[in-house]
N, C-alpha and C. Protein backbone atom coordinates (compact mmCIF):
# COMPACT_ATOMS: atom_id res chain seq x y z
N MET A 1 0.82 -1.15 0.02
CA MET A 1 -0.01 0.06 0.01
C MET A 1 0.89 1.19 0.03
N GLY A 2 0.56 2.20 -0.81
CA GLY A 2 1.30 3.42 -0.87
C GLY A 2 0.47 4.57 -0.43
N ASN A 3 1.05 5.72 -0.40
CA ASN A 3 0.31 6.95 -0.07
C ASN A 3 -0.35 7.44 -1.30
N LEU A 4 -1.35 8.36 -1.09
CA LEU A 4 -2.00 8.98 -2.25
C LEU A 4 -0.91 9.70 -3.01
N PRO A 5 -1.01 9.72 -4.32
CA PRO A 5 0.06 10.42 -5.14
C PRO A 5 -0.12 11.97 -4.95
N THR A 6 1.01 12.67 -5.17
CA THR A 6 0.99 14.15 -5.14
C THR A 6 0.53 14.74 -6.38
N SER A 7 0.44 13.96 -7.46
CA SER A 7 -0.15 14.43 -8.71
C SER A 7 -0.96 13.30 -9.38
N ARG A 8 -1.77 13.73 -10.29
CA ARG A 8 -2.65 12.78 -10.85
C ARG A 8 -1.91 11.66 -11.66
N THR A 9 -2.19 10.41 -11.40
CA THR A 9 -1.54 9.33 -12.09
C THR A 9 -2.42 8.79 -13.22
N VAL A 10 -3.72 9.02 -13.11
CA VAL A 10 -4.60 8.56 -14.21
C VAL A 10 -5.59 9.72 -14.47
N THR A 11 -5.79 10.03 -15.74
CA THR A 11 -6.77 11.03 -16.10
C THR A 11 -7.88 10.26 -16.81
N LEU A 12 -9.09 10.48 -16.23
CA LEU A 12 -10.28 9.80 -16.80
C LEU A 12 -11.21 10.76 -17.45
N ALA A 13 -11.85 10.34 -18.51
CA ALA A 13 -12.87 11.18 -19.13
C ALA A 13 -14.21 10.72 -18.71
N VAL A 14 -15.22 11.47 -18.90
CA VAL A 14 -16.54 11.11 -18.51
C VAL A 14 -16.93 9.80 -19.19
N GLY A 15 -17.38 8.91 -18.43
CA GLY A 15 -17.80 7.62 -18.98
C GLY A 15 -16.72 6.52 -18.87
N ASP A 16 -15.43 6.91 -18.57
CA ASP A 16 -14.40 5.95 -18.44
C ASP A 16 -14.57 5.11 -17.15
N ALA A 17 -14.18 3.85 -17.23
CA ALA A 17 -14.25 2.98 -16.01
C ALA A 17 -13.10 3.24 -15.15
N LEU A 18 -13.35 3.08 -13.83
CA LEU A 18 -12.24 3.31 -12.85
C LEU A 18 -11.40 1.99 -12.79
N PRO A 19 -10.09 2.07 -13.01
CA PRO A 19 -9.27 0.85 -12.86
C PRO A 19 -9.29 0.34 -11.43
N SER A 20 -9.41 -0.94 -11.23
CA SER A 20 -9.62 -1.56 -9.90
C SER A 20 -8.38 -1.20 -9.04
N ASN A 21 -7.16 -1.18 -9.64
CA ASN A 21 -5.98 -0.93 -8.70
C ASN A 21 -6.08 0.46 -8.14
N LEU A 22 -6.61 1.46 -8.90
CA LEU A 22 -6.80 2.78 -8.48
C LEU A 22 -7.82 2.86 -7.36
N VAL A 23 -8.96 2.17 -7.49
CA VAL A 23 -10.04 2.11 -6.50
C VAL A 23 -9.43 1.45 -5.24
N ASN A 24 -8.67 0.36 -5.39
CA ASN A 24 -8.14 -0.35 -4.15
C ASN A 24 -7.18 0.63 -3.47
N GLU A 25 -6.33 1.34 -4.13
CA GLU A 25 -5.41 2.30 -3.49
C GLU A 25 -6.20 3.38 -2.72
N ILE A 26 -7.21 3.90 -3.33
CA ILE A 26 -8.03 4.92 -2.67
C ILE A 26 -8.65 4.39 -1.42
N GLN A 27 -9.20 3.16 -1.49
CA GLN A 27 -9.79 2.57 -0.29
C GLN A 27 -8.78 2.33 0.80
N ASP A 28 -7.57 1.78 0.43
CA ASP A 28 -6.55 1.62 1.48
C ASP A 28 -6.24 2.88 2.23
N VAL A 29 -6.06 3.92 1.45
CA VAL A 29 -5.78 5.19 2.07
C VAL A 29 -6.83 5.73 3.00
N ILE A 30 -8.06 5.71 2.47
CA ILE A 30 -9.18 6.22 3.27
C ILE A 30 -9.49 5.36 4.48
N VAL A 31 -9.56 4.10 4.32
CA VAL A 31 -10.01 3.19 5.43
C VAL A 31 -8.91 2.98 6.45
N GLY A 32 -7.71 2.76 5.98
CA GLY A 32 -6.62 2.40 6.98
C GLY A 32 -5.66 3.53 7.29
N ASN A 33 -5.88 4.74 6.82
CA ASN A 33 -4.90 5.80 6.94
C ASN A 33 -3.56 5.38 6.38
N ASN A 34 -3.44 4.12 5.96
CA ASN A 34 -2.32 3.65 5.12
C ASN A 34 -1.00 3.94 5.63
N HIS A 35 -0.80 3.89 6.94
CA HIS A 35 0.59 4.22 7.41
C HIS A 35 1.26 3.09 8.10
N GLY A 36 0.63 1.96 8.35
CA GLY A 36 1.29 0.82 9.07
C GLY A 36 1.68 1.32 10.45
N THR A 37 2.81 0.84 10.96
CA THR A 37 3.30 1.11 12.28
C THR A 37 3.99 2.51 12.28
N LEU A 38 3.61 3.34 13.20
CA LEU A 38 4.24 4.63 13.50
C LEU A 38 4.90 4.55 14.92
N THR A 39 5.92 5.36 15.14
CA THR A 39 6.54 5.37 16.41
C THR A 39 6.49 6.73 17.04
N LEU A 40 5.93 6.89 18.15
CA LEU A 40 5.91 8.09 18.97
C LEU A 40 7.08 8.03 19.93
N THR A 41 7.87 9.12 19.94
CA THR A 41 9.13 9.15 20.84
C THR A 41 9.07 10.36 21.73
N PHE A 42 9.33 10.14 23.01
CA PHE A 42 9.40 11.29 23.94
C PHE A 42 10.45 10.97 24.96
N GLY A 43 11.03 12.03 25.56
CA GLY A 43 12.12 11.94 26.52
C GLY A 43 11.68 11.96 27.99
N GLY A 44 12.70 11.91 28.79
CA GLY A 44 12.49 11.88 30.32
C GLY A 44 11.65 12.97 30.87
N PRO A 45 11.70 14.24 30.33
CA PRO A 45 10.86 15.22 30.93
C PRO A 45 9.42 15.09 30.78
N ALA A 46 8.94 14.14 30.00
CA ALA A 46 7.48 13.89 29.97
C ALA A 46 6.99 13.18 31.21
N PHE A 47 7.85 12.65 31.98
CA PHE A 47 7.49 11.88 33.21
C PHE A 47 7.30 12.78 34.41
N VAL A 48 6.35 12.35 35.22
CA VAL A 48 6.18 13.00 36.56
C VAL A 48 6.44 11.91 37.59
N ALA A 49 6.89 12.40 38.76
CA ALA A 49 7.24 11.49 39.86
C ALA A 49 6.06 11.10 40.67
N VAL A 50 5.82 9.83 40.84
CA VAL A 50 4.86 9.32 41.84
C VAL A 50 5.66 9.14 43.12
N ALA A 51 6.89 8.60 43.07
CA ALA A 51 7.75 8.43 44.24
C ALA A 51 9.16 8.38 43.76
N ALA A 52 9.94 9.35 44.16
CA ALA A 52 11.36 9.38 43.79
C ALA A 52 12.03 10.48 44.64
N THR A 53 13.35 10.38 44.72
CA THR A 53 14.09 11.44 45.39
C THR A 53 15.16 11.97 44.39
N GLY A 54 15.52 13.30 44.61
CA GLY A 54 16.57 13.90 43.91
C GLY A 54 16.32 13.89 42.36
N LEU A 55 15.13 14.15 41.92
CA LEU A 55 14.86 14.11 40.50
C LEU A 55 15.61 15.26 39.79
N ASP A 56 16.23 14.94 38.58
CA ASP A 56 16.94 15.84 37.84
C ASP A 56 16.60 15.72 36.32
N TYR A 57 16.01 16.76 35.77
CA TYR A 57 15.59 16.74 34.34
C TYR A 57 16.50 17.45 33.48
N SER A 58 17.74 17.81 33.97
CA SER A 58 18.52 18.79 33.20
C SER A 58 19.27 18.24 31.97
N PHE A 59 19.24 16.99 31.71
CA PHE A 59 20.02 16.41 30.65
C PHE A 59 19.11 15.89 29.52
N GLY A 60 17.82 16.26 29.53
CA GLY A 60 16.90 15.76 28.51
C GLY A 60 16.40 14.41 28.83
N ASP A 61 16.85 13.85 30.01
CA ASP A 61 16.33 12.63 30.54
C ASP A 61 15.87 12.91 31.89
N VAL A 62 15.50 11.90 32.67
CA VAL A 62 15.15 12.09 34.12
C VAL A 62 15.94 11.17 34.95
N ARG A 63 16.56 11.68 35.98
CA ARG A 63 17.45 10.86 36.88
C ARG A 63 16.85 10.96 38.33
N GLY A 64 16.91 9.88 38.98
CA GLY A 64 16.39 9.90 40.35
C GLY A 64 16.74 8.59 41.07
N SER A 65 16.31 8.49 42.29
CA SER A 65 16.69 7.33 43.12
C SER A 65 15.58 7.08 44.14
N GLY A 66 15.68 6.00 44.89
CA GLY A 66 14.71 5.70 45.96
C GLY A 66 14.24 4.29 45.84
N ALA A 67 14.01 3.61 46.95
CA ALA A 67 13.57 2.26 46.99
C ALA A 67 12.14 2.14 46.41
N THR A 68 11.38 3.23 46.43
CA THR A 68 9.98 3.25 45.82
C THR A 68 9.94 4.08 44.58
N PHE A 69 11.07 4.24 43.88
CA PHE A 69 11.17 5.09 42.64
C PHE A 69 10.07 4.67 41.58
N GLU A 70 9.19 5.64 41.34
CA GLU A 70 8.21 5.36 40.35
C GLU A 70 7.92 6.69 39.54
N LEU A 71 7.91 6.57 38.24
CA LEU A 71 7.58 7.65 37.37
C LEU A 71 6.44 7.18 36.48
N ARG A 72 5.58 8.19 36.06
CA ARG A 72 4.51 7.96 35.16
C ARG A 72 4.60 8.96 34.03
N ALA A 73 4.19 8.57 32.79
CA ALA A 73 4.04 9.44 31.67
C ALA A 73 2.88 9.00 30.88
N ALA A 74 2.05 10.01 30.45
CA ALA A 74 0.88 9.73 29.65
C ALA A 74 1.30 9.31 28.24
N LEU A 75 0.59 8.31 27.70
CA LEU A 75 0.79 7.83 26.34
C LEU A 75 -0.26 8.54 25.47
N PRO A 76 0.16 9.59 24.76
CA PRO A 76 -0.81 10.42 24.00
C PRO A 76 -1.16 9.80 22.67
N VAL A 77 -1.76 8.60 22.68
CA VAL A 77 -2.10 7.91 21.40
C VAL A 77 -3.61 8.12 21.20
N ILE A 78 -4.04 8.40 19.94
CA ILE A 78 -5.41 8.73 19.60
C ILE A 78 -6.33 7.54 19.78
N VAL A 79 -7.59 7.77 20.23
CA VAL A 79 -8.62 6.77 20.32
C VAL A 79 -8.73 6.05 18.96
N GLY A 80 -8.70 4.76 18.98
CA GLY A 80 -8.92 3.92 17.79
C GLY A 80 -7.57 3.35 17.29
N LYS A 81 -6.47 3.94 17.77
CA LYS A 81 -5.16 3.41 17.43
C LYS A 81 -4.87 2.20 18.23
N ARG A 82 -3.95 1.36 17.79
CA ARG A 82 -3.64 0.15 18.58
C ARG A 82 -2.13 0.31 18.96
N ILE A 83 -1.93 0.20 20.25
CA ILE A 83 -0.53 0.28 20.83
C ILE A 83 0.01 -1.14 20.66
N THR A 84 1.16 -1.28 19.92
CA THR A 84 1.74 -2.62 19.63
C THR A 84 3.01 -2.94 20.48
N ALA A 85 3.73 -1.89 20.87
CA ALA A 85 4.93 -2.12 21.65
C ALA A 85 5.34 -0.85 22.28
N VAL A 86 6.03 -0.94 23.46
CA VAL A 86 6.62 0.21 24.14
C VAL A 86 8.05 -0.18 24.53
N ARG A 87 9.04 0.68 24.21
CA ARG A 87 10.46 0.49 24.54
C ARG A 87 10.87 1.65 25.39
N VAL A 88 11.51 1.36 26.55
CA VAL A 88 12.00 2.42 27.47
C VAL A 88 13.49 2.30 27.58
N HIS A 89 14.19 3.31 27.15
CA HIS A 89 15.69 3.35 27.21
C HIS A 89 16.13 3.85 28.53
N VAL A 90 16.85 3.03 29.26
CA VAL A 90 17.21 3.38 30.65
C VAL A 90 18.64 3.02 30.97
N ASN A 91 19.09 3.46 32.10
CA ASN A 91 20.39 3.07 32.64
C ASN A 91 20.08 2.76 34.18
N ASP A 92 20.14 1.45 34.49
CA ASP A 92 19.99 1.06 35.90
C ASP A 92 21.20 1.33 36.64
N ASN A 93 21.41 0.66 37.84
CA ASN A 93 22.61 0.84 38.65
C ASN A 93 23.05 -0.50 39.21
N ALA A 94 24.34 -0.77 39.15
CA ALA A 94 24.93 -1.97 39.69
C ALA A 94 24.95 -1.93 41.26
N THR A 95 24.80 -0.76 41.82
CA THR A 95 24.71 -0.70 43.31
C THR A 95 23.41 -1.22 43.78
N GLY A 96 23.46 -2.23 44.56
CA GLY A 96 22.25 -2.87 45.13
C GLY A 96 22.02 -4.27 44.67
N PRO A 97 21.92 -4.62 43.43
CA PRO A 97 21.77 -3.79 42.28
C PRO A 97 20.38 -3.14 42.24
N THR A 98 20.23 -1.99 41.54
CA THR A 98 18.99 -1.30 41.33
C THR A 98 18.47 -1.62 39.96
N LYS A 99 17.38 -2.29 39.86
CA LYS A 99 16.75 -2.76 38.60
C LYS A 99 15.48 -1.94 38.39
N LEU A 100 15.13 -1.78 37.06
CA LEU A 100 13.96 -1.07 36.67
C LEU A 100 13.01 -1.96 35.89
N ALA A 101 11.69 -1.76 35.99
CA ALA A 101 10.69 -2.42 35.15
C ALA A 101 9.75 -1.38 34.62
N ALA A 102 9.04 -1.76 33.60
CA ALA A 102 7.97 -0.84 33.02
C ALA A 102 6.74 -1.60 32.71
N ALA A 103 5.60 -0.95 32.68
CA ALA A 103 4.36 -1.51 32.29
C ALA A 103 3.43 -0.40 31.80
N VAL A 104 2.54 -0.77 30.83
CA VAL A 104 1.51 0.19 30.41
C VAL A 104 0.28 -0.03 31.34
N VAL A 105 -0.25 1.01 31.84
CA VAL A 105 -1.39 0.89 32.78
C VAL A 105 -2.57 1.71 32.28
N SER A 106 -3.70 1.12 32.26
CA SER A 106 -4.91 1.83 31.83
C SER A 106 -5.60 2.44 33.05
N MET A 107 -6.26 3.53 32.75
CA MET A 107 -7.07 4.22 33.78
C MET A 107 -8.45 4.51 33.25
N GLN A 108 -9.47 4.16 34.06
CA GLN A 108 -10.82 4.32 33.63
C GLN A 108 -11.66 4.86 34.71
N GLY A 109 -12.88 5.34 34.43
CA GLY A 109 -13.87 5.81 35.43
C GLY A 109 -13.98 7.23 35.52
N THR A 110 -14.87 7.72 36.35
CA THR A 110 -15.04 9.09 36.70
C THR A 110 -15.08 9.33 38.19
N PRO A 111 -14.07 9.84 38.79
CA PRO A 111 -12.82 10.26 38.16
C PRO A 111 -12.01 9.07 37.78
N MET A 112 -11.04 9.24 36.90
CA MET A 112 -10.20 8.12 36.49
C MET A 112 -9.43 7.49 37.62
N VAL A 113 -9.44 6.16 37.61
CA VAL A 113 -8.76 5.42 38.69
C VAL A 113 -7.61 4.65 38.08
N ALA A 114 -6.39 4.92 38.61
CA ALA A 114 -5.21 4.28 38.03
C ALA A 114 -5.07 2.83 38.52
N ASN A 115 -4.22 2.10 37.84
CA ASN A 115 -3.88 0.70 38.15
C ASN A 115 -5.02 -0.26 38.04
N THR A 116 -6.06 0.08 37.27
CA THR A 116 -7.11 -0.86 37.13
C THR A 116 -6.73 -2.08 36.34
N VAL A 117 -5.96 -1.89 35.29
CA VAL A 117 -5.53 -2.97 34.35
C VAL A 117 -4.08 -2.71 34.01
N ALA A 118 -3.20 -3.69 34.29
CA ALA A 118 -1.84 -3.58 33.79
C ALA A 118 -1.77 -4.28 32.39
N VAL A 119 -1.29 -3.55 31.41
CA VAL A 119 -1.26 -4.06 30.08
C VAL A 119 0.18 -4.39 29.69
N GLY A 120 0.46 -5.65 29.33
CA GLY A 120 1.78 -6.03 28.97
C GLY A 120 2.53 -6.59 30.24
N THR A 121 3.67 -7.06 30.07
CA THR A 121 4.41 -7.71 31.18
C THR A 121 5.67 -6.87 31.42
N PRO A 122 5.81 -6.48 32.72
CA PRO A 122 7.04 -5.73 33.04
C PRO A 122 8.31 -6.67 32.94
N ASN A 123 9.34 -6.16 32.29
CA ASN A 123 10.56 -6.90 32.11
C ASN A 123 11.67 -6.23 32.76
N PRO A 124 12.13 -6.64 33.99
CA PRO A 124 13.10 -5.94 34.71
C PRO A 124 14.46 -5.83 34.04
N THR A 125 15.30 -4.78 34.25
CA THR A 125 16.58 -4.68 33.68
C THR A 125 17.53 -5.60 34.52
N ALA A 126 18.80 -5.64 34.04
CA ALA A 126 19.81 -6.54 34.59
C ALA A 126 20.41 -6.13 35.88
N GLY A 127 20.39 -4.77 36.18
CA GLY A 127 21.03 -4.21 37.39
C GLY A 127 22.55 -4.16 37.20
N THR A 128 23.00 -3.91 36.01
CA THR A 128 24.52 -3.84 35.67
C THR A 128 25.01 -2.46 35.58
N GLY A 129 24.16 -1.47 35.54
CA GLY A 129 24.63 -0.09 35.38
C GLY A 129 24.83 0.29 33.95
N ALA A 130 24.43 -0.55 32.97
CA ALA A 130 24.63 -0.33 31.57
C ALA A 130 23.34 0.23 30.95
N ASP A 131 23.48 0.85 29.79
CA ASP A 131 22.35 1.27 29.01
C ASP A 131 21.53 0.03 28.59
N GLN A 132 20.19 0.07 28.79
CA GLN A 132 19.34 -1.07 28.40
C GLN A 132 18.00 -0.58 27.84
N ILE A 133 17.31 -1.51 27.20
CA ILE A 133 15.97 -1.15 26.73
C ILE A 133 15.03 -2.11 27.39
N ILE A 134 14.02 -1.57 28.10
CA ILE A 134 12.91 -2.40 28.63
C ILE A 134 11.84 -2.43 27.58
N THR A 135 11.46 -3.68 27.16
CA THR A 135 10.42 -3.83 26.16
C THR A 135 9.11 -4.31 26.87
N VAL A 136 8.08 -3.54 26.67
CA VAL A 136 6.75 -3.95 27.14
C VAL A 136 5.99 -4.40 25.94
N GLY A 137 5.62 -5.61 25.92
CA GLY A 137 4.85 -6.16 24.86
C GLY A 137 5.31 -7.50 24.41
N PRO A 138 4.82 -8.09 23.33
CA PRO A 138 3.95 -7.40 22.36
C PRO A 138 2.60 -7.09 22.92
N LEU A 139 2.08 -5.95 22.51
CA LEU A 139 0.77 -5.47 22.92
C LEU A 139 -0.20 -5.45 21.81
N THR A 140 -1.50 -5.61 22.10
CA THR A 140 -2.50 -5.47 21.08
C THR A 140 -3.63 -4.58 21.69
N THR A 141 -3.27 -3.50 22.31
CA THR A 141 -4.18 -2.62 23.05
C THR A 141 -4.70 -1.56 22.15
N THR A 142 -6.05 -1.59 21.90
CA THR A 142 -6.67 -0.59 21.07
C THR A 142 -7.13 0.51 22.10
N VAL A 143 -6.71 1.76 21.78
CA VAL A 143 -7.06 2.87 22.73
C VAL A 143 -8.50 3.15 22.57
N ALA A 144 -9.20 3.04 23.74
CA ALA A 144 -10.62 3.24 23.80
C ALA A 144 -11.02 4.54 24.35
N ALA A 145 -12.16 5.08 23.93
CA ALA A 145 -12.72 6.32 24.43
C ALA A 145 -12.96 6.08 25.97
N GLY A 146 -12.72 7.09 26.80
CA GLY A 146 -12.90 7.01 28.22
C GLY A 146 -11.81 6.22 28.95
N THR A 147 -10.74 5.84 28.25
CA THR A 147 -9.67 5.17 28.88
C THR A 147 -8.36 5.92 28.60
N ALA A 148 -7.61 6.19 29.60
CA ALA A 148 -6.28 6.80 29.39
C ALA A 148 -5.22 5.75 29.69
N TYR A 149 -4.07 5.92 29.04
CA TYR A 149 -2.98 4.95 29.17
C TYR A 149 -1.72 5.70 29.67
N ASN A 150 -1.06 5.12 30.68
CA ASN A 150 0.13 5.70 31.23
C ASN A 150 1.28 4.65 31.12
N LEU A 151 2.44 5.15 31.01
CA LEU A 151 3.64 4.26 31.10
C LEU A 151 4.19 4.46 32.50
N LYS A 152 4.36 3.29 33.24
CA LYS A 152 4.88 3.36 34.61
C LYS A 152 6.26 2.73 34.57
N VAL A 153 7.27 3.41 35.12
CA VAL A 153 8.66 2.93 35.25
C VAL A 153 8.96 2.90 36.69
N GLN A 154 9.44 1.83 37.34
CA GLN A 154 9.66 1.78 38.71
C GLN A 154 10.83 0.81 39.02
N THR A 155 11.39 1.01 40.24
CA THR A 155 12.45 0.12 40.66
C THR A 155 11.75 -1.20 41.14
N THR A 156 12.50 -2.30 40.88
CA THR A 156 12.00 -3.59 41.46
C THR A 156 12.94 -4.05 42.51
N THR A 157 14.16 -3.62 42.51
CA THR A 157 15.04 -3.81 43.72
C THR A 157 16.04 -2.66 43.73
N GLY A 158 16.60 -2.40 44.92
CA GLY A 158 17.59 -1.37 45.03
C GLY A 158 17.05 0.05 45.17
N SER A 159 17.89 1.00 45.41
CA SER A 159 17.43 2.36 45.54
C SER A 159 18.51 3.42 45.08
N ALA A 160 19.45 2.92 44.22
CA ALA A 160 20.52 3.86 43.72
C ALA A 160 20.05 4.67 42.53
N LEU A 161 20.85 5.60 42.11
CA LEU A 161 20.48 6.51 41.06
C LEU A 161 20.21 5.74 39.76
N VAL A 162 19.09 6.03 39.03
CA VAL A 162 18.81 5.44 37.74
C VAL A 162 18.45 6.56 36.80
N VAL A 163 18.43 6.24 35.51
CA VAL A 163 18.24 7.24 34.48
C VAL A 163 17.16 6.66 33.44
N VAL A 164 16.07 7.45 33.24
CA VAL A 164 15.13 7.10 32.14
C VAL A 164 15.32 8.12 31.05
N LYS A 165 15.76 7.55 29.86
CA LYS A 165 16.21 8.44 28.75
C LYS A 165 15.13 8.69 27.74
N VAL A 166 14.71 7.74 27.00
CA VAL A 166 13.77 7.93 25.89
C VAL A 166 12.77 6.82 25.90
N VAL A 167 11.53 7.13 25.46
CA VAL A 167 10.49 6.10 25.30
C VAL A 167 10.03 6.10 23.85
N GLU A 168 9.83 4.90 23.31
CA GLU A 168 9.32 4.75 21.98
C GLU A 168 8.05 3.95 22.13
N VAL A 169 6.94 4.41 21.48
CA VAL A 169 5.63 3.74 21.53
C VAL A 169 5.27 3.46 20.08
N ASP A 170 5.15 2.20 19.76
CA ASP A 170 4.69 1.80 18.42
C ASP A 170 3.19 1.70 18.43
N TYR A 171 2.57 2.22 17.35
CA TYR A 171 1.07 2.11 17.20
C TYR A 171 0.71 2.10 15.75
N ASP A 172 -0.49 1.55 15.54
CA ASP A 172 -1.02 1.49 14.10
C ASP A 172 -2.52 1.68 14.14
N ASP A 173 -3.07 1.51 12.97
CA ASP A 173 -4.51 1.70 12.78
C ASP A 173 -5.18 0.36 12.47
N LEU A 174 -4.49 -0.66 12.75
CA LEU A 174 -4.96 -1.99 12.29
C LEU A 174 -5.77 -2.79 13.31
N ALA A 175 -6.36 -2.11 14.27
CA ALA A 175 -7.15 -2.77 15.30
C ALA A 175 -8.42 -3.45 14.70
């Protein structure tokens, strides 16, 4: 499937039949937005602290510590899109060791109540102090009206300084 052309590829006269491949391409673009998987990327400053000490946002990432370290960031994906994967680029800490995990959490109700449904499986980091990627997924979560989605990053062990750098959220229209 391709995008709509920027110029006319077929010129039809009154009474000409529409070629089926042209009709199919038009349908693909209209019905599916025809973009496949897109990736939304955002950095550490998008996170707010639920529990953390010594937060520092000065390097384009977020750094903090604490035995109950927890950050949340809204996943601004449009209703009807399907979240297929989330990757969180982090640096954990060998002291302790301090390990991190991530999960996508849905919030529903009036007022919205957090932690009602955890979506995906948290995969803890190794606790080596190296740059790592936490992958949440594969996911098949279609964003529903009246439901908000947050990314939760938290320590699973330890309390030393950790860094959350960049988040990548893959989504598509194929729900």
